[in-house]
Protein backbone atom coordinates (compact mmCIF):
# COMPACT_ATOMS: atom_id res chain seq x y z
CA MET A 1 -10.50 -19.22 4.78
CA THR A 2 -7.13 -17.91 3.80
CA VAL A 3 -6.12 -14.43 5.28
CA LEU A 4 -5.68 -11.68 2.69
CA THR A 5 -2.40 -9.55 2.53
CA ARG A 6 -3.00 -6.05 3.18
CA SER A 7 -2.38 -5.18 -0.64
CA GLU A 8 -5.04 -7.91 -1.48
CA GLU A 9 -7.48 -6.30 0.90
CA LEU A 10 -6.82 -2.84 -0.43
CA ILE A 11 -7.13 -3.94 -4.11
CA LEU A 12 -10.50 -5.86 -3.36
CA LEU A 13 -11.84 -2.73 -1.45
CA SER A 14 -11.02 -0.65 -4.39
CA VAL A 15 -12.70 -3.06 -6.84
CA TRP A 16 -15.73 -2.88 -4.64
CA LYS A 17 -15.65 0.92 -4.48
CA LEU A 18 -15.15 1.36 -8.20
CA GLN A 19 -17.89 -1.00 -9.10
CA ALA A 20 -18.34 -1.05 -12.88
CA GLU A 21 -15.30 1.20 -13.45
CA ALA A 22 -12.96 -1.32 -11.83
CA TYR A 23 -10.15 -1.93 -14.29
CA GLY A 24 -6.36 -1.99 -13.69
CA ALA A 25 -5.50 1.70 -14.27
CA ALA A 26 -8.67 2.84 -12.44
CA ILE A 27 -7.70 0.58 -9.39
CA ARG A 28 -4.18 1.72 -9.38
CA ASN A 29 -5.18 5.41 -9.36
CA HIS A 30 -7.63 4.85 -6.51
CA LEU A 31 -5.09 3.06 -4.43
CA SER A 32 -2.79 6.03 -5.08
CA ASP A 33 -5.27 8.55 -4.21
CA VAL A 34 -6.37 6.78 -0.91
CA THR A 35 -2.91 5.62 0.30
CA GLY A 36 -0.80 8.72 -0.92
CA GLU A 37 1.61 6.24 -2.16
CA ASP A 38 2.67 5.22 -5.87
CA TRP A 39 1.43 1.65 -6.69
CA PRO A 40 3.69 0.12 -9.30
CA VAL A 41 1.75 -1.65 -12.09
CA ALA A 42 3.04 -5.01 -11.13
CA SER A 43 1.83 -4.56 -7.50
CA VAL A 44 -1.79 -4.17 -8.78
CA TYR A 45 -2.04 -6.52 -11.80
CA GLY A 46 -0.17 -9.57 -10.09
CA PRO A 47 -2.41 -9.81 -6.99
CA LEU A 48 -5.57 -9.04 -9.33
CA ASP A 49 -4.61 -12.11 -11.19
CA ARG A 50 -4.12 -14.20 -8.03
CA LEU A 51 -7.44 -12.84 -6.68
CA ALA A 52 -9.08 -13.84 -9.94
CA GLY A 53 -7.66 -17.23 -9.70
CA ARG A 54 -8.74 -17.71 -6.13
CA GLY A 55 -12.30 -16.69 -7.07
CA PHE A 56 -12.32 -13.34 -5.17
CA VAL A 57 -13.02 -11.38 -8.37
CA LYS A 58 -14.29 -12.33 -11.83
CA THR A 59 -13.07 -10.65 -15.05
CA ARG A 60 -14.55 -9.36 -18.11
CA MET A 61 -13.20 -7.70 -21.19
CA GLY A 62 -14.66 -4.25 -22.37
CA GLU A 63 -14.96 -3.02 -25.90
CA PRO A 64 -11.98 -1.93 -27.82
CA THR A 65 -11.41 1.90 -27.64
CA PRO A 66 -9.61 4.35 -29.94
CA GLU A 67 -8.00 5.91 -26.77
CA ARG A 68 -6.22 2.60 -26.08
CA GLY A 69 -5.12 1.89 -29.67
CA GLY A 70 -7.96 -0.62 -30.12
CA ARG A 71 -7.13 -2.42 -26.92
CA ARG A 72 -9.69 -3.76 -24.53
CA LYS A 73 -9.69 -3.09 -20.86
CA ARG A 74 -10.08 -5.80 -18.40
CA TYR A 75 -12.79 -5.13 -15.78
CA PHE A 76 -12.94 -6.81 -12.36
CA LYS A 77 -15.83 -7.36 -10.12
CA LEU A 78 -15.96 -8.58 -6.61
CA THR A 79 -17.60 -12.00 -5.99
CA ALA A 80 -19.44 -13.33 -2.92
CA LYS A 81 -16.19 -15.11 -1.96
CA GLY A 82 -14.32 -11.81 -2.18
CA VAL A 83 -16.84 -10.22 -0.02
CA ALA A 84 -16.63 -13.02 2.52
CA ALA A 85 -12.81 -12.77 2.42
CA LEU A 86 -13.08 -9.05 3.18
CA ASN A 87 -15.53 -9.61 6.07
CA HIS A 88 -13.18 -12.16 7.51
CA ILE A 89 -10.03 -10.06 7.48
CA ARG A 90 -12.16 -7.15 9.01
CA ALA A 91 -13.47 -9.45 11.86
CA ILE A 92 -9.64 -10.44 12.53
CA GLN A 93 -8.65 -6.74 12.52
CA ASP A 94 -11.38 -5.73 14.65
CA LYS A 95 -10.52 -8.56 17.08
CA MET A 96 -6.80 -7.40 17.01
CA TRP A 97 -7.67 -3.55 17.65
CA ALA A 98 -10.20 -4.43 20.45
CA SER A 99 -7.51 -6.24 22.39
CA LEU A 100 -5.06 -3.40 22.61
CA PRO A 101 -4.49 -1.22 25.57
CA VAL A 102 -5.25 2.51 25.03
CA ALA A 103 -2.09 4.09 23.66
CA GLY A 104 -0.25 6.48 25.86
CA VAL A 105 -2.62 6.08 28.74
CA GLY A 106 -0.84 4.95 32.08
CA THR A 107 2.52 4.24 30.29
CA ARG A 108 5.92 5.62 31.26
CA SER A 109 8.53 6.60 28.91
């Protein structure tokens, strides 16, 4: 299985968290809220398109809304393959963290 980038991981986690409300702007806002960083539009939509292409998320189009000038929102949903990718990256991170010595204990400056 391909290892996710950190951005891809955070985007997939946001899609999972937001569930039925997972569309581009909501995902971007969630990422900004959680990380405290501004996420440029391209840093969300580009990876979302790649994740959809790899089968980690599926997309559907919502109904047109007057607030958006008649445009439709594109919603994202995590797939079983996306969950498997998240579990894979989490297992890798758990192994990496478990192998570290305790920081600051028994070390000299």
